[in-house]
Amino acid sequence: MDIIQTSNKYLNTLYLKSKDDFDRGFSHITIDKLLGLGKTQAVNAMKYLVDKKLIDTQMGFGDNVKLTSSGIDFALKLRENKLFKTIKFKSVRYLPSSRDAIEFLYWYDLIDENGNIEPKTIKVSISGSLCIGWGFQIWSNQPDVDYPELAKMLLQVGKDKIIEKLKEGTLNEQEELMLLTYTHPNSAPYNPDNLIEPQHAEFEIEVGEKILSEEIKENKLAAAIIEIRDTINAIFHSKHKDKLLLLNEERNLLDFFKTAKTEEEFTHRISSLGQVSRHMNINILRKLTNEKDTELGSVALLDKLLISLGSQNKSTTDILRNIGRIRMGYPIHTDIAGVIQGYKYFGISYPIADYQTTWTTLLNQYLTSLKQLYEILADAYLTTEK
């Protein structure tokens, strides 16, 4: 981050924290930690802003710095025609877990410029192997003593995920994020000495610019499907060095963001869902299950794998089977009996009366199957044997 960008962030954060009392200013030490600045970066930013006569370091209260009148004008110019939301963390709790992971649950408020508050949570987990790479022991009888620095670092990762999803328009009330060696750097990306404690963490995010089209922004269901597929693949890769869930064509995922208001649209969408939901890594599944029968398809092989893990949830694979049955009827309806059986499983009447409602129902069912698969694999592959 260059000096101008750092200084603008410093100025904007100082504006946010002192706008209720510009005369009092705000602690430069806290500003530094909110921005994650090292000592040299902080000093350089402060010197730059002083030289520009945008802040006053002499007249503040205690270790506070103040915006000058020019600084206030400059901050207002930076904020002109932009919309912001504030992420204000409230508390954090260490979660005991049987998995080979350390987990924290963070409570935070999302606040808009009108003062409307949405309470939310995010759970952030870090695998045991990655935790060691970051310099922390895996097991602790006194987590409040051993993990406060880790809690500060995981808050930063969680905050970045919140910002990403907020800008996409896919942020849910409860989020979950898992850090693995496959997905995150093997050494700590932050110096905890430079970071703010969770109970004081507050970040303002610009949300005025649309990041995605309105159609994609408002579809949290599709985003959740894609995200949990990535997490499943990360967990599976951490164990077997390969992906489990594959794609015939990346563009099939785009259909999850689209409506299905007509029979033609629904036909196209269900074709994509059928392909995506059943396209798995056959080779690794055959290897893990020692299955020689080449007639068995991906869902049957997945079923055998889950049984071998001792955690099979029958609906996990039944959902996939019945999505496949529905898909086999399109576009020429060669298997009406199978189609009807598939719809009956999901409690949907045939013929279809409302294509959009049916499409949403099937996407939700697929997401349910993925969530179950995630839980099974996480418990099997991220739990330390004792």
Protein backbone atom coordinates (compact mmCIF):
# COMPACT_ATOMS: atom_id res chain seq x y z
CA MET A 1 0.00 0.00 0.00
CA ASP A 2 1.57 3.34 -1.05
CA ILE A 3 1.78 6.36 1.25
CA ILE A 4 -1.14 8.21 -0.35
CA GLN A 5 -3.46 5.22 -0.13
CA THR A 6 -2.38 4.53 3.46
CA SER A 7 -2.84 8.16 4.41
CA ASN A 8 -6.30 8.34 2.85
CA LYS A 9 -7.33 5.24 4.83
CA TYR A 10 -5.86 6.80 7.97
CA LEU A 11 -7.74 10.05 7.37
CA ASN A 12 -11.02 8.28 6.62
CA THR A 13 -10.72 6.09 9.74
CA LEU A 14 -9.93 9.11 11.90
CA TYR A 15 -13.02 10.82 10.47
CA LEU A 16 -15.18 7.79 11.30
CA LYS A 17 -13.90 7.52 14.88
CA SER A 18 -13.94 11.24 15.72
CA LYS A 19 -16.96 12.57 13.81
CA ASP A 20 -19.00 12.76 17.01
CA ASP A 21 -16.40 15.05 18.60
CA PHE A 22 -13.84 16.50 16.19
CA ASP A 23 -12.37 18.67 18.96
CA ARG A 24 -11.47 15.63 21.05
CA GLY A 25 -9.98 13.65 18.15
CA PHE A 26 -9.13 9.99 18.54
CA SER A 27 -6.24 7.77 19.67
CA HIS A 28 -3.59 7.38 16.98
CA ILE A 29 -2.58 4.08 18.60
CA THR A 30 -6.05 2.65 18.00
CA ILE A 31 -6.15 4.06 14.46
CA ASP A 32 -2.87 2.28 13.71
CA LYS A 33 -4.25 -1.04 14.97
CA LEU A 34 -7.54 -0.67 13.14
CA LEU A 35 -5.56 -0.30 9.92
CA GLY A 36 -3.00 -2.98 10.87
CA LEU A 37 -0.11 -0.56 10.40
CA GLY A 38 3.40 -1.30 11.58
CA LYS A 39 5.31 1.40 13.42
CA THR A 40 7.12 2.70 10.33
CA GLN A 41 3.96 2.79 8.20
CA ALA A 42 2.06 4.59 10.97
CA VAL A 43 4.76 7.22 11.47
CA ASN A 44 5.05 7.83 7.73
CA ALA A 45 1.29 8.24 7.31
CA MET A 46 1.06 10.61 10.25
CA LYS A 47 3.99 12.70 9.01
CA TYR A 48 2.48 12.89 5.53
CA LEU A 49 -0.87 14.11 6.90
CA VAL A 50 0.78 16.61 9.24
CA ASP A 51 2.86 18.00 6.37
CA LYS A 52 -0.35 18.38 4.35
CA LYS A 53 -1.93 20.14 7.36
CA LEU A 54 -4.76 17.62 7.41
CA ILE A 55 -4.26 16.43 11.00
CA ASP A 56 -3.05 18.02 14.23
CA THR A 57 -0.92 15.90 16.59
CA GLN A 58 -0.33 18.63 19.21
CA MET A 59 -3.77 19.68 20.43
CA GLY A 60 -5.44 16.29 20.95
CA PHE A 61 -6.57 14.75 24.22
CA GLY A 62 -3.95 12.29 25.56
CA ASP A 63 -2.66 10.23 22.61
CA ASN A 64 -5.42 11.58 20.36
CA VAL A 65 -4.85 13.20 16.98
CA LYS A 66 -7.36 15.60 15.42
CA LEU A 67 -8.56 16.43 11.97
CA THR A 68 -7.91 20.03 10.99
CA SER A 69 -10.63 21.96 9.20
CA SER A 70 -8.80 21.17 5.95
CA GLY A 71 -8.64 17.53 7.01
CA ILE A 72 -12.39 17.41 7.56
CA ASP A 73 -12.99 18.98 4.14
CA PHE A 74 -10.58 16.51 2.53
CA ALA A 75 -12.26 13.53 4.25
CA LEU A 76 -15.68 14.74 3.12
CA LYS A 77 -14.34 15.02 -0.43
CA LEU A 78 -13.06 11.43 -0.25
CA ARG A 79 -16.52 10.32 0.90
CA GLU A 80 -18.50 12.36 -1.60
CA ASN A 81 -21.25 10.42 -3.45
CA LYS A 82 -20.29 7.18 -1.72
CA LEU A 83 -22.31 4.88 0.51
CA PHE A 84 -20.77 3.18 3.52
CA LYS A 85 -21.59 0.47 6.03
CA THR A 86 -19.78 -0.19 9.28
CA ILE A 87 -18.73 -3.59 10.58
CA LYS A 88 -18.56 -3.31 14.37
CA PHE A 89 -17.34 -6.39 16.23
CA LYS A 90 -18.76 -6.90 19.71
CA SER A 91 -17.26 -10.08 21.16
CA VAL A 92 -15.51 -13.35 20.39
CA ARG A 93 -15.72 -16.81 21.92
CA TYR A 94 -13.36 -19.77 21.62
CA LEU A 95 -15.33 -22.88 20.58
CA PRO A 96 -14.10 -26.24 21.90
CA SER A 97 -14.08 -28.70 18.99
CA SER A 98 -13.33 -32.37 18.37
CA ARG A 99 -11.92 -31.44 14.98
CA ASP A 100 -8.25 -30.91 14.31
CA ALA A 101 -8.92 -27.19 14.27
CA ILE A 102 -9.15 -24.11 16.45
CA GLU A 103 -12.45 -22.27 16.11
CA PHE A 104 -13.71 -18.85 17.16
CA LEU A 105 -17.18 -17.35 16.89
CA TYR A 106 -17.33 -13.59 16.36
CA TRP A 107 -20.41 -11.43 16.99
CA TYR A 108 -20.68 -8.18 15.04
CA ASP A 109 -23.19 -5.54 13.93
CA LEU A 110 -23.57 -4.31 10.37
CA ILE A 111 -24.62 -0.66 10.56
CA ASP A 112 -25.79 1.51 7.66
CA GLU A 113 -25.54 5.30 7.44
CA ASN A 114 -29.05 5.69 8.85
CA GLY A 115 -28.06 3.82 12.01
CA ASN A 116 -29.96 0.64 11.14
CA ILE A 117 -28.29 -2.35 12.83
CA GLU A 118 -28.15 -5.95 11.64
CA PRO A 119 -26.63 -8.37 14.21
CA LYS A 120 -24.60 -11.16 12.59
CA THR A 121 -21.98 -13.80 13.38
CA ILE A 122 -19.05 -15.42 11.62
CA LYS A 123 -17.28 -18.59 12.74
CA VAL A 124 -13.63 -18.79 11.69
CA SER A 125 -11.75 -22.10 11.96
CA ILE A 126 -8.08 -22.80 11.32
CA SER A 127 -6.82 -26.34 10.79
CA GLY A 128 -4.25 -27.80 13.17
CA SER A 129 -1.48 -28.00 10.58
CA LEU A 130 -2.00 -24.41 9.44
CA CYS A 131 -2.19 -23.27 13.06
CA ILE A 132 1.27 -24.72 13.70
CA GLY A 133 2.57 -22.88 10.64
CA TRP A 134 1.19 -19.67 12.12
CA GLY A 135 3.09 -20.31 15.34
CA PHE A 136 0.40 -21.61 17.71
CA GLN A 137 0.00 -24.92 19.51
CA ILE A 138 -3.02 -27.02 18.57
CA TRP A 139 -4.39 -28.05 21.96
CA SER A 140 -4.77 -25.82 24.98
CA ASN A 141 -6.31 -26.13 28.43
CA GLN A 142 -6.35 -22.36 28.73
CA PRO A 143 -7.36 -20.90 25.34
CA ASP A 144 -7.95 -17.45 26.84
CA VAL A 145 -4.24 -17.34 27.60
CA ASP A 146 -2.84 -19.14 24.55
CA TYR A 147 -5.02 -17.82 21.72
CA PRO A 148 -5.79 -14.09 22.05
CA GLU A 149 -3.22 -13.23 19.36
CA LEU A 150 -4.64 -15.89 17.07
CA ALA A 151 -8.16 -14.51 17.67
CA LYS A 152 -6.97 -11.10 16.45
CA MET A 153 -5.49 -12.59 13.27
CA LEU A 154 -8.52 -14.73 12.48
CA LEU A 155 -10.74 -11.68 12.95
CA GLN A 156 -8.86 -10.01 10.10
CA VAL A 157 -9.46 -12.99 7.81
CA GLY A 158 -13.11 -13.08 8.86
CA LYS A 159 -13.46 -9.35 8.30
CA ASP A 160 -12.09 -9.68 4.76
CA LYS A 161 -14.61 -12.44 4.06
CA ILE A 162 -17.45 -10.29 5.41
CA ILE A 163 -16.38 -7.41 3.18
CA GLU A 164 -16.18 -9.66 0.12
CA LYS A 165 -19.65 -11.06 0.69
CA LEU A 166 -21.09 -7.67 1.62
CA LYS A 167 -19.94 -6.20 -1.69
CA GLU A 168 -21.28 -9.21 -3.58
CA GLY A 169 -24.62 -8.91 -1.81
CA THR A 170 -24.34 -12.50 -0.50
CA LEU A 171 -23.72 -11.87 3.22
CA ASN A 172 -25.82 -14.07 5.51
CA GLU A 173 -26.67 -13.66 9.18
CA GLN A 174 -24.41 -16.59 10.03
CA GLU A 175 -21.23 -17.19 8.08
CA GLU A 176 -18.56 -19.82 8.45
CA LEU A 177 -15.00 -19.75 7.15
CA MET A 178 -12.40 -22.51 7.33
CA LEU A 179 -8.66 -21.88 6.85
CA LEU A 180 -6.62 -24.78 5.48
CA THR A 181 -3.07 -25.14 4.18
CA TYR A 182 -4.62 -25.55 0.73
CA THR A 183 -6.42 -22.20 0.88
CA HIS A 184 -4.28 -19.88 3.01
CA PRO A 185 -0.57 -19.02 3.45
CA ASN A 186 1.41 -21.44 5.62
CA SER A 187 2.98 -18.64 7.64
CA ALA A 188 1.11 -15.98 9.60
CA PRO A 189 0.06 -13.14 7.26
CA TYR A 190 -0.22 -10.62 10.13
CA ASN A 191 1.81 -9.34 13.03
CA PRO A 192 -0.66 -9.56 15.93
CA ASP A 193 1.11 -6.66 17.68
CA ASN A 194 -0.24 -4.41 14.92
CA LEU A 195 -3.84 -5.62 15.22
CA ILE A 196 -6.84 -4.41 17.20
CA GLU A 197 -8.53 -6.50 19.90
CA PRO A 198 -11.85 -8.00 18.71
CA GLN A 199 -14.01 -6.01 21.13
CA HIS A 200 -12.63 -2.73 19.70
CA ALA A 201 -12.62 -3.71 16.02
CA GLU A 202 -14.69 -1.42 13.80
CA PHE A 203 -14.33 -1.02 10.04
CA GLU A 204 -16.13 1.20 7.56
CA ILE A 205 -16.69 -0.28 4.12
CA GLU A 206 -17.60 1.54 0.93
CA VAL A 207 -20.62 -0.16 -0.63
CA GLY A 208 -21.81 2.50 -3.06
CA GLU A 209 -20.48 0.86 -6.21
CA LYS A 210 -22.20 -2.21 -7.60
CA ILE A 211 -19.72 -5.07 -7.84
CA LEU A 212 -21.97 -7.54 -9.65
CA SER A 213 -25.13 -7.32 -11.71
CA GLU A 214 -28.33 -6.99 -9.72
CA GLU A 215 -29.37 -10.50 -10.73
CA ILE A 216 -26.22 -11.99 -9.22
CA LYS A 217 -26.03 -9.61 -6.24
CA GLU A 218 -29.40 -10.67 -4.88
CA ASN A 219 -28.97 -14.42 -5.23
CA LYS A 220 -27.46 -15.61 -1.95
CA LEU A 221 -28.53 -19.18 -2.63
CA ALA A 222 -26.31 -19.56 -5.68
CA ALA A 223 -23.38 -17.93 -3.92
CA ALA A 224 -23.78 -20.29 -0.96
CA ILE A 225 -23.69 -23.32 -3.27
CA ILE A 226 -20.49 -22.20 -4.96
CA GLU A 227 -18.83 -21.30 -1.67
CA ILE A 228 -19.59 -24.60 0.05
CA ARG A 229 -18.39 -26.53 -3.04
CA ASP A 230 -15.07 -24.71 -2.73
CA THR A 231 -14.87 -25.53 0.99
CA ILE A 232 -15.64 -29.22 0.38
CA ASN A 233 -12.91 -29.37 -2.25
CA ALA A 234 -10.45 -27.66 0.10
CA ILE A 235 -11.15 -30.17 2.90
CA PHE A 236 -10.98 -33.12 0.50
CA HIS A 237 -7.76 -31.81 -1.07
CA SER A 238 -6.16 -31.42 2.36
CA LYS A 239 -6.59 -35.17 2.85
CA HIS A 240 -6.26 -36.66 -0.64
CA LYS A 241 -4.41 -33.97 -2.65
CA ASP A 242 -7.21 -33.86 -5.20
CA LYS A 243 -10.64 -32.31 -5.71
CA LEU A 244 -13.86 -34.23 -5.18
CA LEU A 245 -16.39 -31.99 -6.95
CA LEU A 246 -15.62 -31.26 -10.59
CA LEU A 247 -17.18 -29.21 -13.38
CA ASN A 248 -17.86 -30.08 -17.01
CA GLU A 249 -18.13 -26.41 -17.84
CA GLU A 250 -17.56 -23.44 -15.53
CA ARG A 251 -20.50 -21.60 -17.14
CA ASN A 252 -22.91 -24.18 -15.70
CA LEU A 253 -22.53 -22.39 -12.37
CA LEU A 254 -23.91 -19.20 -13.89
CA ASP A 255 -27.30 -20.90 -14.28
CA PHE A 256 -27.56 -21.02 -10.48
CA PHE A 257 -27.79 -17.22 -10.49
CA LYS A 258 -30.56 -17.08 -13.08
CA THR A 259 -34.33 -17.31 -12.89
CA ALA A 260 -36.44 -20.09 -14.39
CA LYS A 261 -39.77 -18.47 -15.21
CA THR A 262 -40.55 -20.52 -18.32
CA GLU A 263 -40.36 -24.20 -19.25
CA GLU A 264 -37.48 -23.46 -21.61
CA GLU A 265 -35.49 -21.68 -18.90
CA PHE A 266 -36.25 -24.42 -16.38
CA THR A 267 -35.15 -27.12 -18.83
CA HIS A 268 -31.81 -25.40 -19.29
CA ARG A 269 -31.30 -24.79 -15.56
CA ILE A 270 -32.11 -28.36 -14.48
CA SER A 271 -29.74 -29.69 -17.12
CA SER A 272 -26.92 -27.63 -15.61
CA LEU A 273 -27.84 -28.66 -12.06
CA GLY A 274 -27.91 -32.31 -13.05
CA GLN A 275 -24.44 -32.09 -14.56
CA VAL A 276 -22.89 -30.08 -11.72
CA SER A 277 -24.41 -32.14 -8.90
CA ARG A 278 -23.21 -35.51 -10.26
CA HIS A 279 -19.85 -34.63 -11.79
CA MET A 280 -17.35 -35.92 -9.25
CA ASN A 281 -13.83 -37.27 -9.28
CA ILE A 282 -14.60 -40.88 -10.24
CA ASN A 283 -10.97 -41.96 -10.19
CA ILE A 284 -10.28 -40.89 -6.61
CA LEU A 285 -13.63 -42.29 -5.44
CA ARG A 286 -12.85 -45.71 -6.96
CA LYS A 287 -9.42 -45.65 -5.36
CA LEU A 288 -10.72 -44.73 -1.90
CA THR A 289 -13.53 -47.32 -2.00
CA ASN A 290 -11.50 -50.09 -3.73
CA GLU A 291 -14.44 -50.45 -6.12
CA LYS A 292 -13.73 -52.49 -9.27
CA ASP A 293 -17.22 -52.28 -10.78
CA THR A 294 -16.88 -49.68 -13.53
CA GLU A 295 -20.66 -49.55 -13.94
CA LEU A 296 -21.11 -47.73 -10.64
CA GLY A 297 -21.57 -44.00 -11.11
CA SER A 298 -20.41 -41.04 -9.06
CA VAL A 299 -23.32 -40.94 -6.60
CA ALA A 300 -23.07 -44.66 -5.81
CA LEU A 301 -19.32 -44.32 -5.27
CA LEU A 302 -19.83 -41.30 -3.03
CA ASP A 303 -22.36 -43.34 -1.05
CA LYS A 304 -19.78 -46.10 -0.53
CA LEU A 305 -17.17 -43.55 0.57
CA LEU A 306 -19.50 -41.99 3.14
CA ILE A 307 -20.42 -45.43 4.48
CA SER A 308 -16.72 -46.26 4.82
CA LEU A 309 -16.24 -43.06 6.82
CA GLY A 310 -18.96 -44.21 9.20
CA SER A 311 -20.98 -41.02 8.80
CA GLN A 312 -23.27 -41.64 5.88
CA ASN A 313 -26.42 -39.52 5.81
CA LYS A 314 -28.75 -41.23 3.36
CA SER A 315 -30.39 -38.01 2.21
CA THR A 316 -26.99 -36.65 1.12
CA THR A 317 -26.85 -39.00 -1.84
CA ASP A 318 -30.62 -39.49 -2.23
CA ILE A 319 -30.94 -35.80 -3.05
CA LEU A 320 -28.32 -36.17 -5.78
CA ARG A 321 -29.97 -39.32 -7.17
CA ASN A 322 -33.36 -37.65 -7.44
CA ILE A 323 -31.97 -34.50 -9.04
CA GLY A 324 -30.48 -36.91 -11.59
CA ARG A 325 -33.85 -38.60 -12.13
CA ILE A 326 -35.50 -35.24 -12.83
CA ARG A 327 -32.72 -34.23 -15.18
CA MET A 328 -33.04 -37.50 -17.16
CA GLY A 329 -36.51 -36.41 -18.30
CA TYR A 330 -35.21 -33.37 -20.16
CA PRO A 331 -35.45 -32.21 -22.83
CA ILE A 332 -37.35 -35.10 -24.47
CA HIS A 333 -39.04 -36.63 -21.39
CA THR A 334 -37.80 -40.16 -22.09
CA ASP A 335 -38.23 -41.28 -18.47
CA ILE A 336 -41.55 -39.93 -17.19
CA ALA A 337 -41.71 -42.51 -14.38
CA GLY A 338 -38.26 -41.51 -13.14
CA VAL A 339 -39.12 -37.83 -13.40
CA ILE A 340 -42.28 -38.27 -11.35
CA GLN A 341 -40.37 -40.33 -8.78
CA GLY A 342 -37.79 -37.55 -8.49
CA TYR A 343 -40.37 -34.82 -7.99
CA LYS A 344 -42.27 -36.95 -5.47
CA TYR A 345 -39.10 -37.28 -3.38
CA PHE A 346 -38.91 -33.48 -3.09
CA GLY A 347 -42.64 -33.09 -2.47
CA ILE A 348 -43.21 -31.37 -5.82
CA SER A 349 -46.32 -32.04 -7.89
CA TYR A 350 -45.97 -33.09 -11.52
CA PRO A 351 -46.57 -31.55 -14.00
CA ILE A 352 -44.93 -28.38 -12.73
CA ALA A 353 -47.21 -25.44 -11.97
CA ASP A 354 -44.54 -22.88 -10.99
CA TYR A 355 -41.13 -23.24 -12.63
CA GLN A 356 -39.38 -20.60 -10.52
CA THR A 357 -40.54 -22.05 -7.19
CA THR A 358 -39.54 -25.55 -8.34
CA TRP A 359 -36.11 -24.33 -9.44
CA THR A 360 -35.53 -22.60 -6.10
CA THR A 361 -36.64 -25.73 -4.24
CA LEU A 362 -34.19 -27.92 -6.13
CA LEU A 363 -31.32 -25.50 -5.57
CA ASN A 364 -32.09 -25.47 -1.84
CA GLN A 365 -32.12 -29.27 -1.81
CA TYR A 366 -28.75 -29.39 -3.55
CA LEU A 367 -27.38 -26.93 -0.99
CA THR A 368 -28.71 -29.17 1.81
CA SER A 369 -26.86 -32.15 0.33
CA LEU A 370 -23.65 -30.11 0.11
CA LYS A 371 -23.96 -28.94 3.71
CA GLN A 372 -24.37 -32.53 4.89
CA LEU A 373 -21.37 -33.62 2.82
CA TYR A 374 -19.31 -30.78 4.25
CA GLU A 375 -20.14 -31.80 7.83
CA ILE A 376 -19.28 -35.46 7.16
CA LEU A 377 -15.94 -34.70 5.50
CA ALA A 378 -15.00 -32.07 8.09
CA ASP A 379 -15.70 -34.50 10.94
CA ALA A 380 -13.82 -37.31 9.18
CA TYR A 381 -10.79 -35.42 7.89
CA LEU A 382 -10.35 -32.59 10.39
CA THR A 383 -10.71 -34.59 13.60
CA THR A 384 -7.55 -35.72 15.35
CA GLU A 385 -7.38 -39.37 16.22
CA LYS A 386 -6.85 -39.94 19.93
